[in-house]
C-alpha atoms as a PDB file:
ATOM      1  CA  MET A   1       8.715 -10.422  -9.053  1.00  0.00           C
ATOM      2  CA  PRO A   2       9.431 -11.741  -5.901  1.00  0.00           C
ATOM      3  CA  GLN A   3      13.243 -12.206  -4.909  1.00  0.00           C
ATOM      4  CA  HIS A   4      12.964 -15.632  -3.490  1.00  0.00           C
ATOM      5  CA  GLN A   5      10.958 -18.885  -3.999  1.00  0.00           C
ATOM      6  CA  THR A   6       9.291 -20.854  -1.330  1.00  0.00           C
ATOM      7  CA  PRO A   7       9.920 -24.606  -1.275  1.00  0.00           C
ATOM      8  CA  ALA A   8       7.034 -26.790  -2.687  1.00  0.00           C
ATOM      9  CA  ALA A   9       6.307 -28.260   0.801  1.00  0.00           C
ATOM     10  CA  ALA A  10       5.537 -24.766   2.095  1.00  0.00           C
ATOM     11  CA  ARG A  11       3.300 -23.756  -0.752  1.00  0.00           C
ATOM     12  CA  ALA A  12       0.211 -23.141   1.303  1.00  0.00           C
ATOM     13  CA  LEU A  13      -1.065 -19.579   2.273  1.00  0.00           C
ATOM     14  CA  ASP A  14      -0.141 -19.042   5.870  1.00  0.00           C
ATOM     15  CA  ARG A  15      -2.350 -16.115   6.875  1.00  0.00           C
ATOM     16  CA  ARG A  16       0.310 -14.713   9.188  1.00  0.00           C
ATOM     17  CA  ARG A  17       3.098 -14.633   6.719  1.00  0.00           C
ATOM     18  CA  PHE A  18       3.928 -13.055   3.313  1.00  0.00           C
ATOM     19  CA  LEU A  19       4.667 -16.046   1.209  1.00  0.00           C
ATOM     20  CA  THR A  20       6.203 -16.035  -2.217  1.00  0.00           C
ATOM     21  CA  LEU A  21       4.230 -18.795  -3.981  1.00  0.00           C
ATOM     22  CA  GLY A  22       6.129 -18.744  -7.187  1.00  0.00           C
ATOM     23  CA  LEU A  23       5.440 -17.284 -10.568  1.00  0.00           C
ATOM     24  CA  THR A  24       4.276 -20.355 -12.359  1.00  0.00           C
ATOM     25  CA  GLY A  25       2.224 -22.140  -9.779  1.00  0.00           C
ATOM     26  CA  THR A  26       0.341 -25.399  -9.780  1.00  0.00           C
ATOM     27  CA  ALA A  27      -3.202 -26.510  -9.193  1.00  0.00           C
ATOM     28  CA  ALA A  28      -2.347 -27.368  -5.636  1.00  0.00           C
ATOM     29  CA  THR A  29      -0.984 -23.864  -5.032  1.00  0.00           C
ATOM     30  CA  ALA A  30      -4.075 -22.282  -6.368  1.00  0.00           C
ATOM     31  CA  ALA A  31      -6.267 -24.519  -4.385  1.00  0.00           C
ATOM     32  CA  ALA A  32      -4.542 -23.715  -1.169  1.00  0.00           C
ATOM     33  CA  ALA A  33      -4.709 -20.031  -1.801  1.00  0.00           C
ATOM     34  CA  THR A  34      -8.495 -20.401  -2.558  1.00  0.00           C
ATOM     35  CA  ALA A  35      -9.149 -22.358   0.604  1.00  0.00           C
ATOM     36  CA  ALA A  36      -7.182 -19.872   2.748  1.00  0.00           C
ATOM     37  CA  LEU A  37      -9.166 -16.994   1.245  1.00  0.00           C
ATOM     38  CA  ALA A  38     -12.561 -18.652   1.528  1.00  0.00           C
ATOM     39  CA  ALA A  39     -15.647 -16.837   3.109  1.00  0.00           C
ATOM     40  CA  PRO A  40     -14.546 -13.207   2.485  1.00  0.00           C
ATOM     41  CA  ASP A  41     -16.779 -10.520   3.793  1.00  0.00           C
ATOM     42  CA  ALA A  42     -19.318  -8.745   1.511  1.00  0.00           C
ATOM     43  CA  ALA A  43     -16.964  -5.908   0.596  1.00  0.00           C
ATOM     44  CA  ASP A  44     -14.136  -8.191  -0.362  1.00  0.00           C
ATOM     45  CA  ALA A  45     -16.440 -10.416  -2.445  1.00  0.00           C
ATOM     46  CA  ALA A  46     -17.657  -7.370  -4.265  1.00  0.00           C
ATOM     47  CA  THR A  47     -14.079  -6.291  -4.939  1.00  0.00           C
ATOM     48  CA  ARG A  48     -13.334  -9.683  -6.375  1.00  0.00           C
ATOM     49  CA  THR A  49     -16.409  -9.671  -8.536  1.00  0.00           C
ATOM     50  CA  ALA A  50     -15.418  -6.403  -9.979  1.00  0.00           C
ATOM     51  CA  ALA A  51     -11.777  -7.682 -10.459  1.00  0.00           C
ATOM     52  CA  THR A  52     -12.917 -10.595 -12.509  1.00  0.00           C
ATOM     53  CA  THR A  53     -14.579  -8.274 -15.116  1.00  0.00           C
ATOM     54  CA  SER A  54     -11.348  -6.299 -15.665  1.00  0.00           C
ATOM     55  CA  THR A  55      -9.196  -6.728 -18.741  1.00  0.00           C
ATOM     56  CA  THR A  56      -6.289  -7.153 -16.289  1.00  0.00           C
ATOM     57  CA  THR A  57      -7.676  -9.984 -14.231  1.00  0.00           C
ATOM     58  CA  PRO A  58      -5.442 -11.480 -11.464  1.00  0.00           C
ATOM     59  CA  THR A  59      -5.140 -15.266 -11.853  1.00  0.00           C
ATOM     60  CA  GLU A  60      -2.653 -16.409  -9.144  1.00  0.00           C
ATOM     61  CA  LEU A  61      -2.106 -15.203  -5.708  1.00  0.00           C
ATOM     62  CA  LEU A  62       1.682 -14.873  -5.331  1.00  0.00           C
ATOM     63  CA  ALA A  63       1.958 -13.366  -1.830  1.00  0.00           C
ATOM     64  CA  ALA A  64      -0.175 -12.135   0.988  1.00  0.00           C
ATOM     65  CA  ASP A  65      -0.122 -10.880   4.568  1.00  0.00           C
ATOM     66  CA  GLU A  66      -3.659 -11.076   6.354  1.00  0.00           C
ATOM     67  CA  PHE A  67      -2.321  -9.602   9.656  1.00  0.00           C
ATOM     68  CA  ASP A  68      -3.738 -12.411  11.838  1.00  0.00           C
ATOM     69  CA  GLY A  69      -2.261 -12.537  15.340  1.00  0.00           C
ATOM     70  CA  PRO A  70      -2.710 -11.453  18.847  1.00  0.00           C
ATOM     71  CA  ALA A  71      -3.678  -8.005  19.704  1.00  0.00           C
ATOM     72  CA  GLY A  72      -0.697  -5.729  20.451  1.00  0.00           C
ATOM     73  CA  SER A  73       1.785  -8.090  18.561  1.00  0.00           C
ATOM     74  CA  ALA A  74       4.306  -6.734  16.089  1.00  0.00           C
ATOM     75  CA  PRO A  75       3.741  -6.987  12.313  1.00  0.00           C
ATOM     76  CA  ASN A  76       5.748  -9.970  10.977  1.00  0.00           C
ATOM     77  CA  PRO A  77       9.459  -9.059  11.175  1.00  0.00           C
ATOM     78  CA  ALA A  78      10.100 -11.336   8.224  1.00  0.00           C
ATOM     79  CA  ILE A  79       8.066  -9.043   6.005  1.00  0.00           C
ATOM     80  CA  TRP A  80       7.973  -5.697   7.618  1.00  0.00           C
ATOM     81  CA  ARG A  81      10.899  -3.385   8.489  1.00  0.00           C
ATOM     82  CA  PHE A  82      10.584   0.208   9.687  1.00  0.00           C
ATOM     83  CA  ASP A  83      11.773   3.603   8.649  1.00  0.00           C
ATOM     84  CA  THR A  84      12.357   5.602  11.773  1.00  0.00           C
ATOM     85  CA  GLY A  85      13.240   9.223  12.831  1.00  0.00           C
ATOM     86  CA  ALA A  86      12.079  12.644  12.019  1.00  0.00           C
ATOM     87  CA  GLY A  87      13.465  15.447   9.786  1.00  0.00           C
ATOM     88  CA  GLY A  88      10.440  16.112   7.554  1.00  0.00           C
ATOM     89  CA  TRP A  89      11.077  13.241   5.089  1.00  0.00           C
ATOM     90  CA  GLY A  90      11.338  15.613   2.205  1.00  0.00           C
ATOM     91  CA  ASN A  91       8.011  16.927   2.659  1.00  0.00           C
ATOM     92  CA  GLN A  92       8.159  18.980   5.801  1.00  0.00           C
ATOM     93  CA  GLU A  93       6.196  16.363   7.728  1.00  0.00           C
ATOM     94  CA  LEU A  94       5.856  16.697  11.465  1.00  0.00           C
ATOM     95  CA  GLU A  95       5.843  13.197  12.741  1.00  0.00           C
ATOM     96  CA  THR A  96       8.629  11.145  14.186  1.00  0.00           C
ATOM     97  CA  TYR A  97       8.332   7.524  12.785  1.00  0.00           C
ATOM     98  CA  THR A  98       8.992   4.825  15.425  1.00  0.00           C
ATOM     99  CA  ASP A  99       9.088   1.022  15.599  1.00  0.00           C
ATOM    100  CA  SER A 100       7.039   1.102  18.785  1.00  0.00           C
ATOM    101  CA  ARG A 101       3.814  -1.084  19.286  1.00  0.00           C
ATOM    102  CA  ARG A 102       2.107   2.252  20.213  1.00  0.00           C
ATOM    103  CA  ASN A 103       2.365   3.228  16.593  1.00  0.00           C
ATOM    104  CA  SER A 104       2.071  -0.122  14.738  1.00  0.00           C
ATOM    105  CA  ALA A 105       0.624  -3.367  15.939  1.00  0.00           C
ATOM    106  CA  LEU A 106      -1.896  -6.053  15.106  1.00  0.00           C
ATOM    107  CA  ASN A 107      -5.219  -5.352  16.574  1.00  0.00           C
ATOM    108  CA  GLY A 108      -6.257  -9.027  17.232  1.00  0.00           C
ATOM    109  CA  SER A 109      -9.123  -8.607  14.622  1.00  0.00           C
ATOM    110  CA  GLY A 110      -7.115  -9.582  11.538  1.00  0.00           C
ATOM    111  CA  GLN A 111      -5.741  -6.050  10.893  1.00  0.00           C
ATOM    112  CA  LEU A 112      -2.542  -3.990  11.166  1.00  0.00           C
ATOM    113  CA  ALA A 113      -3.117  -0.563  12.913  1.00  0.00           C
ATOM    114  CA  ILE A 114      -0.814   2.139  12.111  1.00  0.00           C
ATOM    115  CA  THR A 115      -1.424   4.931  14.730  1.00  0.00           C
ATOM    116  CA  ALA A 116      -0.580   8.622  14.549  1.00  0.00           C
ATOM    117  CA  ILE A 117      -0.409   9.948  18.118  1.00  0.00           C
ATOM    118  CA  ARG A 118      -0.012  13.595  19.527  1.00  0.00           C
ATOM    119  CA  GLU A 119       2.354  13.147  22.421  1.00  0.00           C
ATOM    120  CA  PRO A 120       1.938  15.002  25.696  1.00  0.00           C
ATOM    121  CA  ASP A 121       4.620  17.484  24.595  1.00  0.00           C
ATOM    122  CA  GLY A 122       2.726  18.342  21.398  1.00  0.00           C
ATOM    123  CA  THR A 123       4.895  16.424  18.986  1.00  0.00           C
ATOM    124  CA  PHE A 124       3.588  13.637  16.904  1.00  0.00           C
ATOM    125  CA  THR A 125       4.615   9.997  16.415  1.00  0.00           C
ATOM    126  CA  SER A 126       3.504   7.356  13.731  1.00  0.00           C
ATOM    127  CA  ALA A 127       4.935   4.530  11.790  1.00  0.00           C
ATOM    128  CA  ARG A 128       6.232   3.833   8.362  1.00  0.00           C
ATOM    129  CA  LEU A 129       6.581   0.078   7.482  1.00  0.00           C
ATOM    130  CA  LYS A 130       8.235  -1.177   4.313  1.00  0.00           C
ATOM    131  CA  THR A 131       9.187  -4.586   2.693  1.00  0.00           C
ATOM    132  CA  GLU A 132      12.584  -3.254   1.607  1.00  0.00           C
ATOM    133  CA  GLY A 133      15.108  -5.998   1.959  1.00  0.00           C
ATOM    134  CA  THR A 134      12.503  -8.796   2.601  1.00  0.00           C
ATOM    135  CA  PHE A 135      10.055  -8.784  -0.473  1.00  0.00           C
ATOM    136  CA  THR A 136       9.789  -7.100  -3.789  1.00  0.00           C
ATOM    137  CA  ALA A 137       7.369  -7.456  -6.711  1.00  0.00           C
ATOM    138  CA  GLN A 138       7.836  -6.693 -10.447  1.00  0.00           C
ATOM    139  CA  TYR A 139       4.526  -6.425 -12.424  1.00  0.00           C
ATOM    140  CA  GLY A 140       1.144  -7.965 -11.379  1.00  0.00           C
ATOM    141  CA  ARG A 141      -1.684  -6.661  -9.300  1.00  0.00           C
ATOM    142  CA  VAL A 142      -0.695  -5.247  -5.919  1.00  0.00           C
ATOM    143  CA  GLU A 143      -3.628  -4.556  -3.658  1.00  0.00           C
ATOM    144  CA  ALA A 144      -4.461  -3.683   0.052  1.00  0.00           C
ATOM    145  CA  ARG A 145      -7.817  -3.336   1.858  1.00  0.00           C
ATOM    146  CA  ILE A 146      -7.532  -0.185   4.091  1.00  0.00           C
ATOM    147  CA  LYS A 147      -9.620   1.975   6.287  1.00  0.00           C
ATOM    148  CA  ILE A 148      -7.879   5.252   6.138  1.00  0.00           C
ATOM    149  CA  PRO A 149      -7.735   7.802   9.120  1.00  0.00           C
ATOM    150  CA  ARG A 150      -9.166  11.227   8.771  1.00  0.00           C
ATOM    151  CA  GLY A 151      -8.603  14.838   9.774  1.00  0.00           C
ATOM    152  CA  GLN A 152      -6.925  17.998   8.802  1.00  0.00           C
ATOM    153  CA  GLY A 153      -3.135  17.416   8.447  1.00  0.00           C
ATOM    154  CA  ILE A 154      -3.419  13.637   8.214  1.00  0.00           C
ATOM    155  CA  TRP A 155      -1.815  11.945   5.323  1.00  0.00           C
ATOM    156  CA  PRO A 156      -2.105   8.162   4.880  1.00  0.00           C
ATOM    157  CA  ALA A 157      -0.406   6.346   2.081  1.00  0.00           C
ATOM    158  CA  PHE A 158       0.068   2.907   0.415  1.00  0.00           C
ATOM    159  CA  TRP A 159       2.844   3.040  -2.148  1.00  0.00           C
ATOM    160  CA  MET A 160       5.983   1.457  -3.615  1.00  0.00           C
ATOM    161  CA  LEU A 161       9.495   2.434  -4.272  1.00  0.00           C
ATOM    162  CA  GLY A 162      12.080   0.918  -6.600  1.00  0.00           C
ATOM    163  CA  ALA A 163      14.328  -1.464  -4.818  1.00  0.00           C
ATOM    164  CA  ASP A 164      17.425   0.183  -6.203  1.00  0.00           C
ATOM    165  CA  ILE A 165      16.849   3.558  -4.366  1.00  0.00           C
ATOM    166  CA  GLY A 166      19.976   2.956  -2.377  1.00  0.00           C
ATOM    167  CA  GLN A 167      22.034   2.933  -5.617  1.00  0.00           C
ATOM    168  CA  VAL A 168      20.301   5.491  -7.786  1.00  0.00           C
ATOM    169  CA  GLY A 169      18.341   7.694  -5.399  1.00  0.00           C
ATOM    170  CA  TRP A 170      14.973   9.280  -5.776  1.00  0.00           C
ATOM    171  CA  PRO A 171      13.264   9.768  -8.288  1.00  0.00           C
ATOM    172  CA  ALA A 172      15.535   7.648 -10.553  1.00  0.00           C
ATOM    173  CA  CYS A 173      14.409   4.540  -8.495  1.00  0.00           C
ATOM    174  CA  GLY A 174      10.705   5.329  -9.352  1.00  0.00           C
ATOM    175  CA  GLU A 175       7.742   5.629  -7.114  1.00  0.00           C
ATOM    176  CA  ILE A 176       4.256   4.137  -7.519  1.00  0.00           C
ATOM    177  CA  ASP A 177       1.741   5.685  -5.160  1.00  0.00           C
ATOM    178  CA  VAL A 178      -1.210   3.391  -5.041  1.00  0.00           C
ATOM    179  CA  MET A 179      -3.209   5.517  -2.536  1.00  0.00           C
ATOM    180  CA  GLU A 180      -2.741   8.740  -0.842  1.00  0.00           C
ATOM    181  CA  ASN A 181      -5.264  10.978   0.923  1.00  0.00           C
ATOM    182  CA  VAL A 182      -4.977  14.439   2.455  1.00  0.00           C
ATOM    183  CA  GLY A 183      -7.339  15.149   5.228  1.00  0.00           C
ATOM    184  CA  TYR A 184      -9.000  18.137   3.745  1.00  0.00           C
ATOM    185  CA  GLU A 185     -10.257  16.018   0.911  1.00  0.00           C
ATOM    186  CA  PRO A 186     -12.152  13.309   2.673  1.00  0.00           C
ATOM    187  CA  THR A 187     -14.002  11.950  -0.288  1.00  0.00           C
ATOM    188  CA  ILE A 188     -10.918  11.873  -2.700  1.00  0.00           C
ATOM    189  CA  VAL A 189      -7.886   9.674  -2.900  1.00  0.00           C
ATOM    190  CA  HIS A 190      -4.940  10.224  -5.229  1.00  0.00           C
ATOM    191  CA  ALA A 191      -2.571   7.737  -7.213  1.00  0.00           C
ATOM    192  CA  THR A 192       0.620   8.888  -8.812  1.00  0.00           C
ATOM    193  CA  VAL A 193       3.891   7.652 -10.503  1.00  0.00           C
ATOM    194  CA  HIS A 194       7.162   9.527 -10.075  1.00  0.00           C
ATOM    195  CA  GLY A 195      10.323   9.176 -12.058  1.00  0.00           C
ATOM    196  CA  PRO A 196      13.087  11.321 -13.560  1.00  0.00           C
ATOM    197  CA  GLY A 197      11.444  14.292 -15.172  1.00  0.00           C
ATOM    198  CA  TYR A 198       8.081  13.622 -13.786  1.00  0.00           C
ATOM    199  CA  SER A 199       8.454  13.797 -10.032  1.00  0.00           C
ATOM    200  CA  GLY A 200       7.094  15.854  -7.070  1.00  0.00           C
ATOM    201  CA  ALA A 201       4.350  18.219  -8.325  1.00  0.00           C
ATOM    202  CA  ASN A 202       5.076  17.037 -11.894  1.00  0.00           C
ATOM    203  CA  GLY A 203       4.202  13.370 -11.142  1.00  0.00           C
ATOM    204  CA  LEU A 204       1.708  11.624 -13.355  1.00  0.00           C
ATOM    205  CA  SER A 205      -1.435  11.083 -11.330  1.00  0.00           C
ATOM    206  CA  ALA A 206      -5.119  10.355 -11.148  1.00  0.00           C
ATOM    207  CA  ALA A 207      -7.759  11.107  -8.553  1.00  0.00           C
ATOM    208  CA  CYS A 208     -10.844   9.219  -7.564  1.00  0.00           C
ATOM    209  CA  THR A 209     -13.799  10.649  -5.856  1.00  0.00           C
ATOM    210  CA  ASN A 210     -15.932   8.241  -3.784  1.00  0.00           C
ATOM    211  CA  PRO A 211     -18.950   7.675  -5.959  1.00  0.00           C
ATOM    212  CA  THR A 212     -21.024   7.361  -2.867  1.00  0.00           C
ATOM    213  CA  GLY A 213     -20.176  10.846  -1.637  1.00  0.00           C
ATOM    214  CA  ALA A 214     -18.919   9.347   1.663  1.00  0.00           C
ATOM    215  CA  ALA A 215     -15.585   9.952   3.223  1.00  0.00           C
ATOM    216  CA  PHE A 216     -13.116   7.181   2.451  1.00  0.00           C
ATOM    217  CA  ALA A 217     -12.457   6.949   6.115  1.00  0.00           C
ATOM    218  CA  ASP A 218     -16.031   5.788   6.852  1.00  0.00           C
ATOM    219  CA  ASP A 219     -15.257   2.207   5.628  1.00  0.00           C
ATOM    220  CA  PHE A 220     -12.669  -0.078   4.252  1.00  0.00           C
ATOM    221  CA  HIS A 221     -11.766   0.151   0.496  1.00  0.00           C
ATOM    222  CA  VAL A 222      -9.528  -1.882  -1.808  1.00  0.00           C
ATOM    223  CA  PHE A 223      -6.729   0.217  -3.331  1.00  0.00           C
ATOM    224  CA  GLY A 224      -4.595  -1.440  -6.024  1.00  0.00           C
ATOM    225  CA  VAL A 225      -2.424  -1.209  -9.202  1.00  0.00           C
ATOM    226  CA  ASP A 226      -2.430  -3.530 -12.242  1.00  0.00           C
ATOM    227  CA  TRP A 227       1.192  -3.124 -13.240  1.00  0.00           C
ATOM    228  CA  ARG A 228       2.386  -4.217 -16.608  1.00  0.00           C
ATOM    229  CA  PRO A 229       5.730  -3.597 -18.598  1.00  0.00           C
ATOM    230  CA  ASP A 230       4.131  -0.617 -20.467  1.00  0.00           C
ATOM    231  CA  SER A 231       1.397   0.621 -18.183  1.00  0.00           C
ATOM    232  CA  ILE A 232       0.106   1.026 -14.561  1.00  0.00           C
ATOM    233  CA  THR A 233      -3.603   1.098 -13.976  1.00  0.00           C
ATOM    234  CA  TRP A 234      -5.026   2.267 -10.673  1.00  0.00           C
ATOM    235  CA  LEU A 235      -8.140   0.642  -9.081  1.00  0.00           C
ATOM    236  CA  VAL A 236     -10.357   1.505  -6.246  1.00  0.00           C
ATOM    237  CA  ASP A 237     -12.737  -1.260  -5.095  1.00  0.00           C
ATOM    238  CA  GLY A 238     -11.799  -3.158  -8.264  1.00  0.00           C
ATOM    239  CA  VAL A 239     -12.832  -0.387 -10.629  1.00  0.00           C
ATOM    240  CA  GLU A 240     -10.228   1.119 -12.930  1.00  0.00           C
ATOM    241  CA  ARG A 241      -9.703   4.762 -12.127  1.00  0.00           C
ATOM    242  CA  GLY A 242      -6.800   5.830 -14.366  1.00  0.00           C
ATOM    243  CA  THR A 243      -3.789   4.565 -16.494  1.00  0.00           C
ATOM    244  CA  VAL A 244      -0.443   5.860 -17.103  1.00  0.00           C
ATOM    245  CA  THR A 245       1.623   4.409 -20.016  1.00  0.00           C
ATOM    246  CA  ARG A 246       5.108   4.284 -21.100  1.00  0.00           C
ATOM    247  CA  ALA A 247       4.289   6.831 -23.739  1.00  0.00           C
ATOM    248  CA  ALA A 248       3.001   9.263 -21.212  1.00  0.00           C
ATOM    249  CA  VAL A 249       6.522   9.931 -19.946  1.00  0.00           C
ATOM    250  CA  GLY A 250       7.838  11.044 -23.398  1.00  0.00           C
ATOM    251  CA  THR A 251      11.479  11.184 -23.679  1.00  0.00           C
ATOM    252  CA  ASN A 252      11.978  10.723 -19.944  1.00  0.00           C
ATOM    253  CA  PRO A 253      12.886   7.182 -18.753  1.00  0.00           C
ATOM    254  CA  TRP A 254      10.067   4.701 -17.837  1.00  0.00           C
ATOM    255  CA  VAL A 255      11.562   3.256 -14.523  1.00  0.00           C
ATOM    256  CA  PHE A 256       8.979   0.642 -13.729  1.00  0.00           C
ATOM    257  CA  ASP A 257      10.656  -2.485 -15.193  1.00  0.00           C
ATOM    258  CA  LYS A 258      12.374  -3.651 -12.117  1.00  0.00           C
ATOM    259  CA  PRO A 259      11.498  -4.749  -8.524  1.00  0.00           C
ATOM    260  CA  PHE A 260       9.715  -2.508  -6.109  1.00  0.00           C
ATOM    261  CA  PHE A 261       8.986  -2.806  -2.493  1.00  0.00           C
ATOM    262  CA  VAL A 262       5.785  -1.886  -0.528  1.00  0.00           C
ATOM    263  CA  VAL A 263       5.438   0.938   1.941  1.00  0.00           C
ATOM    264  CA  LEU A 264       2.546   1.721   4.319  1.00  0.00           C
ATOM    265  CA  ASN A 265       2.541   4.932   6.468  1.00  0.00           C
ATOM    266  CA  VAL A 266       0.579   7.664   8.124  1.00  0.00           C
ATOM    267  CA  ALA A 267       2.277  11.071   7.902  1.00  0.00           C
ATOM    268  CA  VAL A 268       1.203  14.126   9.958  1.00  0.00           C
ATOM    269  CA  GLY A 269       1.538  17.467   8.430  1.00  0.00           C
ATOM    270  CA  GLY A 270       3.693  18.297   5.387  1.00  0.00           C
ATOM    271  CA  THR A 271       3.557  20.666   2.317  1.00  0.00           C
ATOM    272  CA  TRP A 272       0.610  18.914   0.787  1.00  0.00           C
ATOM    273  CA  PRO A 273      -1.919  18.276   3.601  1.00  0.00           C
ATOM    274  CA  GLY A 274      -0.884  21.176   5.807  1.00  0.00           C
ATOM    275  CA  SER A 275      -0.623  20.949   9.555  1.00  0.00           C
ATOM    276  CA  PRO A 276      -3.287  19.521  12.004  1.00  0.00           C
ATOM    277  CA  ASP A 277      -5.560  22.137  13.461  1.00  0.00           C
ATOM    278  CA  ALA A 278      -8.094  22.362  16.270  1.00  0.00           C
ATOM    279  CA  THR A 279     -10.441  20.172  14.465  1.00  0.00           C
ATOM    280  CA  THR A 280      -8.068  17.310  14.193  1.00  0.00           C
ATOM    281  CA  ARG A 281      -8.630  14.482  16.689  1.00  0.00           C
ATOM    282  CA  PHE A 282      -5.798  12.196  17.891  1.00  0.00           C
ATOM    283  CA  PRO A 283      -4.971   9.353  17.854  1.00  0.00           C
ATOM    284  CA  GLN A 284      -5.792   8.594  14.228  1.00  0.00           C
ATOM    285  CA  GLN A 285      -5.418   4.890  12.833  1.00  0.00           C
ATOM    286  CA  MET A 286      -5.016   3.509   9.377  1.00  0.00           C
ATOM    287  CA  LEU A 287      -6.346  -0.205   9.524  1.00  0.00           C
ATOM    288  CA  VAL A 288      -4.850  -2.457   6.968  1.00  0.00           C
ATOM    289  CA  ASP A 289      -6.981  -5.684   6.528  1.00  0.00           C
ATOM    290  CA  TRP A 290      -4.682  -7.387   4.004  1.00  0.00           C
ATOM    291  CA  VAL A 291      -1.960  -6.906   1.416  1.00  0.00           C
ATOM    292  CA  ARG A 292      -1.980  -9.180  -1.618  1.00  0.00           C
ATOM    293  CA  VAL A 293       0.151  -9.585  -4.773  1.00  0.00           C
ATOM    294  CA  TRP A 294      -1.255 -11.338  -7.691  1.00  0.00           C
ATOM    295  CA  GLN A 295       0.270 -12.513 -11.057  1.00  0.00           C
ATOM    296  CA  LEU A 296      -1.852 -11.113 -13.932  1.00  0.00           C
ATOM    297  CA  GLY A 297      -3.612 -13.154 -16.602  1.00  0.00           C
END
């Protein structure tokens, strides 16, 4: 659950900020959230319709960032911090992550653009944003509407890490991968959980093939998890695509009963996607339309 509460006077959804609206909520809070989210586009509306048919229906919006702001401005620093640097990030990745506006900025159309660039010297830069130290969630539905990039060697991801990673390390902290795509599988996205005894290649995962047959990079899609004390269910466009339960980890620890923070990034290269090749076009952008956290009914 969120780490801090918003005063009652501030309990209206500011579309530029990631607000903690509280776990119990009031009718006024719900009305404010509903008004702020009025007039969604067709894809958003379809996702909401699908979500209401789920057995894990979200009932109250706790927090959101809608990425409204001038083109070229930074993502809200009260929410988003940056991992920076190179070194492969444990996966032999090729990019250097920066906090430059060249690699992450609002686009002026209500979206966050994370941009992977091939620099003139042949190296790659990109961005990895996180809510570590600003916002955490424990249980609920965590969703983002994203248009992923494409191409061999491009690896976009929307995921979460246990907030105690600095104390216990990985994989003891736990990891929930809401969406990953590797460029050589344009019609498939992957979702995985990692913990002690089921990490790396042994993570517990599900894959979703786009039922239309189109590349996921062709349009926006809503990727999410319904996260409960004993289960994590992955969703794509409001449709359940796989569930992992506490029983599935066997005698290994279930490390998902604590706060997690959100991560958004675009990696270049690595052991899973492989390196870019002559077919890969740069720059490549991941567009994030919104991130929302709901309390489940």
